C-alpha cells in the first residue's frame, strides 16, 4: 500500500506492477477536506511533496516540467489568447505560468477543493506568487458545472490541470465534459488536458482522445515530456482544437518570450510532438 514508512514515501502503482519512492525527512501537515486527504512532506532531495489520497501530486524539485508544458505550448499555439480558464490547478503553478504571458487579459481558475490552494500557499509559496495578479480570479467550485454553464464562444484556451480520473477528477475525462468545453471555446480555441503516461496508461490516453473527437474537436495533438514523480516518469498533455488543424506554433514569439522558463523552449516544443512508433500504432484511427 502507498504511504509513509521508514522515512520513505512510496506510491505503489499496482496496475503496472511498479512503485516510486522519495526519502522523507518529516511529515509537515495533513488535512482531510470534504473531497480528499491532502498530505505534505519534507523530502531529502526533492523539497516539499504534496500527496492527495495517497497519490503523489507534485514536488518542489520537478513540478516546473508539468506546469510549463501544460501552459506554454497551448498559449504559443493559439493565435492570440486573451481569456483562459483553468479547471483544477489548485496548487496554482499552472496559473503562475499562464500569467507570465503579457497578452493574457483574464484567467479564471476553478478548483473544487479550496484546501489544495491553502496548502500550496503554505508549502509551495513560489507557485502562488501570482495569485493576487489583477488578471486572476480564483474560484472554488465544480469545474464540470462551470463549463456546462459557460457562455458559448467565450473562452480562448481551457487548461484542464486535473488529478487522475478518480474521485473529484473522474468527470473531467468524458465526452460530455469535452462537449461543454468545445461549445465554450471561441473560434480558434484550444483545450489542453494532462493525459497521463503513454507507457502505462495508453488505454486511458486513447479513450481521452476518442472522447475529444466524439465531442466534435477538429484536431488533436499529444505532447510528451518527462515527469519523474509520476508513474513511469513519462507524461503527456493533449491539445484539442475547436476548428482547423495543428499547423505549428508561434515560434518567433516563443523564442522572443520576455519571461524565464526552466524546461520549455522552442526546441522542446518541437520535440514534444514527436511520437515513438508504439504510440503511432496504438493511437492511429
Protein backbone atom coordinates (compact mmCIF):
# COMPACT_ATOMS: atom_id res chain seq x y z
CA UNK A 1 0.00 0.00 0.00
CA UNK A 2 1.19 3.54 -0.76
CA UNK A 3 2.26 5.63 2.21
CA UNK A 4 4.95 6.88 4.57
CA UNK A 5 7.11 4.22 6.21
CA UNK A 6 10.71 4.10 7.47
CA UNK A 7 11.50 7.63 6.25
CA UNK A 8 10.29 6.94 2.71
CA UNK A 9 7.09 7.92 0.95
CA UNK A 10 6.30 5.21 -1.56
CA UNK A 11 3.50 5.24 -4.11
CA UNK A 12 2.66 1.81 -5.47
CA UNK A 13 1.20 1.53 -8.97
CA UNK A 14 -0.39 -1.87 -8.66
CA UNK A 15 -1.87 -1.82 -12.17
CA UNK A 16 1.62 -1.62 -13.70
CA UNK A 17 3.49 -3.63 -11.09
CA UNK A 18 5.71 -0.68 -10.22
CA UNK A 19 6.37 1.85 -7.48
CA UNK A 20 8.09 5.17 -6.88
CA UNK A 21 9.54 6.49 -3.64
CA UNK A 22 11.15 9.58 -2.15
CA UNK A 23 13.18 9.76 1.04
CA UNK A 24 11.35 11.87 3.59
CA UNK A 25 12.72 13.98 6.44
CA UNK A 26 9.37 14.54 8.15
CA UNK A 27 5.66 14.84 7.66
CA UNK A 28 4.69 18.50 7.60
CA UNK A 29 0.91 18.53 7.57
CA UNK A 30 -2.30 16.67 6.81
CA UNK A 31 -5.85 17.85 6.22
CA UNK A 32 -9.00 16.00 5.28
CA UNK A 33 -11.11 18.24 3.08
CA UNK A 34 -14.72 17.44 2.12
CA UNK A 35 -13.29 15.90 -1.05
CA UNK A 36 -9.93 14.27 -0.33
CA UNK A 37 -7.00 13.78 2.03
CA UNK A 38 -4.08 16.15 1.45
CA UNK A 39 -0.66 15.42 2.98
CA UNK A 40 2.56 17.41 2.92
CA UNK A 41 6.07 16.01 3.43
CA UNK A 42 9.60 17.38 3.51
CA UNK A 43 11.98 15.26 1.41
CA UNK A 44 15.75 14.99 1.43
CA UNK A 45 16.33 15.87 -2.23
CA UNK A 46 13.03 16.98 -3.80
CA UNK A 47 11.92 19.76 -1.47
CA UNK A 48 8.33 19.65 -0.32
CA UNK A 49 5.97 16.95 -1.53
CA UNK A 50 2.18 17.10 -1.89
CA UNK A 51 0.20 13.85 -1.77
CA UNK A 52 -3.57 13.64 -2.35
CA UNK A 53 -5.43 10.46 -1.45
CA UNK A 54 -2.11 8.57 -1.37
CA UNK A 55 -1.15 9.74 -4.87
CA UNK A 56 1.88 11.99 -5.42
CA UNK A 57 0.84 15.33 -6.91
CA UNK A 58 4.00 17.45 -7.04
CA UNK A 59 7.39 18.14 -5.57
CA UNK A 60 9.34 21.38 -5.30
CA UNK A 61 12.12 20.00 -7.49
CA UNK A 62 10.35 18.85 -10.65
CA UNK A 63 6.90 20.49 -10.81
CA UNK A 64 8.16 23.03 -13.37
CA UNK A 65 8.16 20.33 -16.05
CA UNK A 66 4.44 19.73 -15.76
CA UNK A 67 3.33 23.32 -15.18
CA UNK A 68 5.36 24.72 -18.09
CA UNK A 69 4.28 22.04 -20.56
CA UNK A 70 0.61 22.38 -19.62
CA UNK A 71 0.79 26.16 -20.16
CA UNK A 72 3.26 27.43 -22.72
CA UNK A 73 2.72 25.05 -25.68
CA UNK A 74 -1.01 25.77 -25.83
CA UNK A 75 -0.58 29.51 -25.31
CA UNK A 76 2.01 29.73 -28.09
CA UNK A 77 -0.12 27.51 -30.35
CA UNK A 78 -3.27 29.65 -30.05
CA UNK A 79 -3.13 32.60 -32.44
CA UNK A 80 -3.95 35.29 -29.87
CA UNK A 81 -5.04 34.03 -26.44
CA UNK A 82 -6.55 36.58 -24.08
CA UNK A 83 -9.10 34.72 -21.96
CA UNK A 84 -8.02 31.49 -20.20
CA UNK A 85 -9.90 29.12 -17.91
CA UNK A 86 -8.03 26.61 -15.72
CA UNK A 87 -10.06 23.68 -14.44
CA UNK A 88 -8.36 22.23 -11.37
CA UNK A 89 -4.85 23.55 -10.87
CA UNK A 90 -5.31 24.16 -7.16
CA UNK A 91 -1.56 24.29 -6.47
CA UNK A 92 -1.54 27.42 -8.71
CA UNK A 93 1.65 26.52 -10.59
CA UNK A 94 -0.15 26.48 -13.94
CA UNK A 95 -1.80 29.81 -13.10
CA UNK A 96 1.63 31.32 -12.44
CA UNK A 97 2.94 30.13 -15.82
CA UNK A 98 -0.11 31.38 -17.73
CA UNK A 99 0.19 34.82 -16.16
CA UNK A 100 3.78 35.13 -17.40
CA UNK A 101 2.24 35.87 -20.83
CA UNK A 102 1.67 39.64 -21.03
CA UNK A 103 -1.04 39.30 -23.69
CA UNK A 104 -3.31 37.36 -21.30
CA UNK A 105 -6.10 39.60 -20.06
CA UNK A 106 -8.12 37.29 -17.82
CA UNK A 107 -7.57 33.91 -16.15
CA UNK A 108 -10.27 32.14 -14.17
CA UNK A 109 -9.19 29.12 -12.13
CA UNK A 110 -11.87 26.76 -10.85
CA UNK A 111 -10.81 24.07 -8.39
CA UNK A 112 -13.37 22.19 -6.33
CA UNK A 113 -11.13 21.94 -3.27
CA UNK A 114 -10.01 25.17 -1.63
CA UNK A 115 -7.77 23.24 0.77
CA UNK A 116 -5.38 22.34 -2.06
CA UNK A 117 -4.73 26.02 -2.68
CA UNK A 118 -4.41 26.84 1.02
CA UNK A 119 -1.84 24.07 1.46
CA UNK A 120 0.04 25.25 -1.63
CA UNK A 121 0.14 28.80 -0.30
CA UNK A 122 1.76 27.48 2.86
CA UNK A 123 4.17 24.89 1.47
CA UNK A 124 4.67 25.95 -2.18
CA UNK A 125 4.53 29.77 -1.94
CA UNK A 126 6.66 30.10 -5.06
CA UNK A 127 3.82 28.57 -7.08
CA UNK A 128 1.28 31.00 -5.63
CA UNK A 129 3.18 34.23 -6.23
CA UNK A 130 0.76 35.34 -8.97
CA UNK A 131 -2.45 34.54 -7.11
CA UNK A 132 -3.10 38.23 -6.47
CA UNK A 133 -2.46 39.29 -10.06
CA UNK A 134 -5.41 41.54 -11.05
CA UNK A 135 -5.96 39.38 -14.14
CA UNK A 136 -6.57 36.27 -12.00
CA UNK A 137 -9.81 35.05 -10.44
CA UNK A 138 -9.70 32.01 -8.14
CA UNK A 139 -12.99 30.21 -7.65
CA UNK A 140 -13.59 27.10 -5.56
CA UNK A 141 -16.40 25.32 -7.31
CA UNK A 142 -17.32 22.40 -9.55
CA UNK A 143 -15.37 22.78 -12.80
CA UNK A 144 -17.72 20.44 -14.68
CA UNK A 145 -20.71 22.61 -13.76
CA UNK A 146 -18.76 25.76 -14.57
CA UNK A 147 -18.01 24.56 -18.08
CA UNK A 148 -21.55 23.29 -18.61
CA UNK A 149 -22.90 26.75 -17.76
CA UNK A 150 -20.19 28.80 -19.53
CA UNK A 151 -21.36 31.21 -22.19
CA UNK A 152 -20.93 29.87 -25.73
CA UNK A 153 -17.77 31.03 -27.51
CA UNK A 154 -16.48 33.00 -24.51
CA UNK A 155 -13.06 31.42 -23.86
CA UNK A 156 -9.84 31.23 -25.89
CA UNK A 157 -7.98 28.48 -24.01
CA UNK A 158 -9.14 25.90 -21.47
CA UNK A 159 -6.46 24.15 -19.41
CA UNK A 160 -7.58 21.04 -17.53
CA UNK A 161 -4.99 20.62 -14.77
CA UNK A 162 -6.64 17.67 -13.08
CA UNK A 163 -5.84 14.75 -10.86
CA UNK A 164 -6.18 11.21 -12.21
CA UNK A 165 -9.66 10.15 -13.43
CA UNK A 166 -10.76 9.01 -9.98
CA UNK A 167 -12.52 10.87 -7.19
CA UNK A 168 -13.14 14.58 -7.90
CA UNK A 169 -11.35 14.35 -11.26
CA UNK A 170 -13.36 11.49 -12.70
CA UNK A 171 -15.90 13.59 -14.60
CA UNK A 172 -13.20 15.56 -16.43
CA UNK A 173 -12.33 12.70 -18.80
CA UNK A 174 -15.53 12.08 -20.75
CA UNK A 175 -17.36 13.20 -23.89
CA UNK A 176 -19.98 15.27 -22.04
CA UNK A 177 -17.31 17.43 -20.38
CA UNK A 178 -15.38 17.84 -23.63
CA UNK A 179 -18.60 18.86 -25.41
CA UNK A 180 -19.13 21.62 -22.83
CA UNK A 181 -15.56 22.80 -23.36
CA UNK A 182 -15.88 22.84 -27.15
CA UNK A 183 -19.06 24.92 -27.01
CA UNK A 184 -17.46 27.41 -24.61
CA UNK A 185 -14.40 27.96 -26.81
CA UNK A 186 -14.27 30.75 -29.37
CA UNK A 187 -13.31 30.02 -32.96
CA UNK A 188 -9.63 29.06 -32.93
CA UNK A 189 -9.95 27.98 -29.30
CA UNK A 190 -7.92 25.15 -27.81
CA UNK A 191 -8.44 22.78 -24.90
CA UNK A 192 -5.43 21.14 -23.26
CA UNK A 193 -5.54 18.42 -20.61
CA UNK A 194 -2.95 16.35 -18.80
CA UNK A 195 -3.31 12.90 -20.34
CA UNK A 196 -1.28 10.51 -18.17
CA UNK A 197 1.61 8.22 -19.12
CA UNK A 198 1.97 6.92 -22.70
CA UNK A 199 3.81 3.89 -21.37
CA UNK A 200 1.39 2.57 -18.75
CA UNK A 201 -1.87 4.48 -19.36
CA UNK A 202 -2.26 4.01 -23.12
CA UNK A 203 -5.89 2.77 -22.92
CA UNK A 204 -6.83 5.92 -20.98
CA UNK A 205 -4.94 8.19 -23.38
CA UNK A 206 -6.67 6.57 -26.34
CA UNK A 207 -10.09 6.83 -24.64
CA UNK A 208 -9.50 10.52 -23.90
CA UNK A 209 -8.56 11.28 -27.49
CA UNK A 210 -11.54 9.31 -28.79
CA UNK A 211 -13.89 11.20 -26.45
CA UNK A 212 -12.44 14.56 -27.58
CA UNK A 213 -13.06 13.62 -31.20
CA UNK A 214 -16.53 12.32 -30.42
CA UNK A 215 -17.27 15.68 -28.80
CA UNK A 216 -16.51 17.38 -32.09
CA UNK A 217 -12.97 18.70 -31.72
CA UNK A 218 -11.41 19.10 -35.14
CA UNK A 219 -7.79 18.17 -34.42
CA UNK A 220 -5.70 16.68 -31.61
CA UNK A 221 -2.04 16.92 -30.64
CA UNK A 222 -0.47 14.92 -27.80
CA UNK A 223 2.83 16.22 -26.41
CA UNK A 224 5.32 14.21 -24.36
CA UNK A 225 7.55 15.32 -21.50
CA UNK A 226 9.40 13.83 -18.51
CA UNK A 227 7.86 13.92 -15.04
CA UNK A 228 9.91 11.96 -12.53
CA UNK A 229 7.42 11.75 -9.65
CA UNK A 230 4.55 10.44 -11.81
CA UNK A 231 4.04 6.80 -12.81
CA UNK A 232 6.74 5.71 -15.30
CA UNK A 233 8.39 9.16 -15.16
CA UNK A 234 6.97 9.95 -18.62
CA UNK A 235 3.87 12.08 -19.10
CA UNK A 236 1.67 13.70 -21.74
CA UNK A 237 -0.74 16.51 -22.34
CA UNK A 238 -3.24 16.55 -25.19
CA UNK A 239 -4.36 19.64 -27.10
CA UNK A 240 -7.72 19.70 -28.89
CA UNK A 241 -8.61 22.41 -31.43
CA UNK A 242 -12.21 23.55 -31.82
CA UNK A 243 -11.65 24.08 -35.54
CA UNK A 244 -8.83 23.89 -38.05
CA UNK A 245 -5.64 21.85 -37.88
CA UNK A 246 -2.42 21.98 -35.89
CA UNK A 247 -0.01 23.57 -38.33
CA UNK A 248 2.69 24.68 -35.90
CA UNK A 249 3.00 27.32 -33.22
CA UNK A 250 4.08 30.95 -32.86
CA UNK A 251 7.74 30.02 -32.91
CA UNK A 252 9.10 33.57 -33.17
CA UNK A 253 7.01 34.69 -30.19
CA UNK A 254 8.14 31.69 -28.14
CA UNK A 255 11.78 32.39 -28.98
CA UNK A 256 11.38 36.05 -28.02
CA UNK A 257 9.47 35.43 -24.78
CA UNK A 258 10.23 38.03 -22.13
CA UNK A 259 9.90 35.59 -19.23
CA UNK A 260 12.09 32.78 -17.93
CA UNK A 261 11.33 29.07 -18.09
CA UNK A 262 13.29 26.12 -16.74
CA UNK A 263 12.22 23.50 -19.30
CA UNK A 264 10.11 24.93 -22.10
CA UNK A 265 11.72 26.45 -25.20
CA UNK A 266 11.21 26.35 -28.95
CA UNK A 267 13.21 23.15 -29.47
CA UNK A 268 11.43 21.39 -26.60
CA UNK A 269 8.06 22.37 -28.10
CA UNK A 270 9.02 20.90 -31.45
CA UNK A 271 10.46 17.73 -29.95
CA UNK A 272 7.48 17.15 -27.65
CA UNK A 273 5.20 16.48 -30.61
CA UNK A 274 7.35 13.61 -31.93
CA UNK A 275 5.78 10.22 -31.19
CA UNK A 276 7.59 6.90 -30.76
CA UNK A 277 6.36 4.14 -33.05
CA UNK A 278 4.38 2.30 -30.39
CA UNK A 279 2.25 5.43 -29.88
CA UNK A 280 1.66 5.84 -33.60
CA UNK A 281 0.43 2.24 -33.75
CA UNK A 282 -1.71 2.48 -30.60
CA UNK A 283 -3.36 5.81 -31.47
CA UNK A 284 -3.90 5.55 -35.21
CA UNK A 285 -7.58 5.62 -36.12
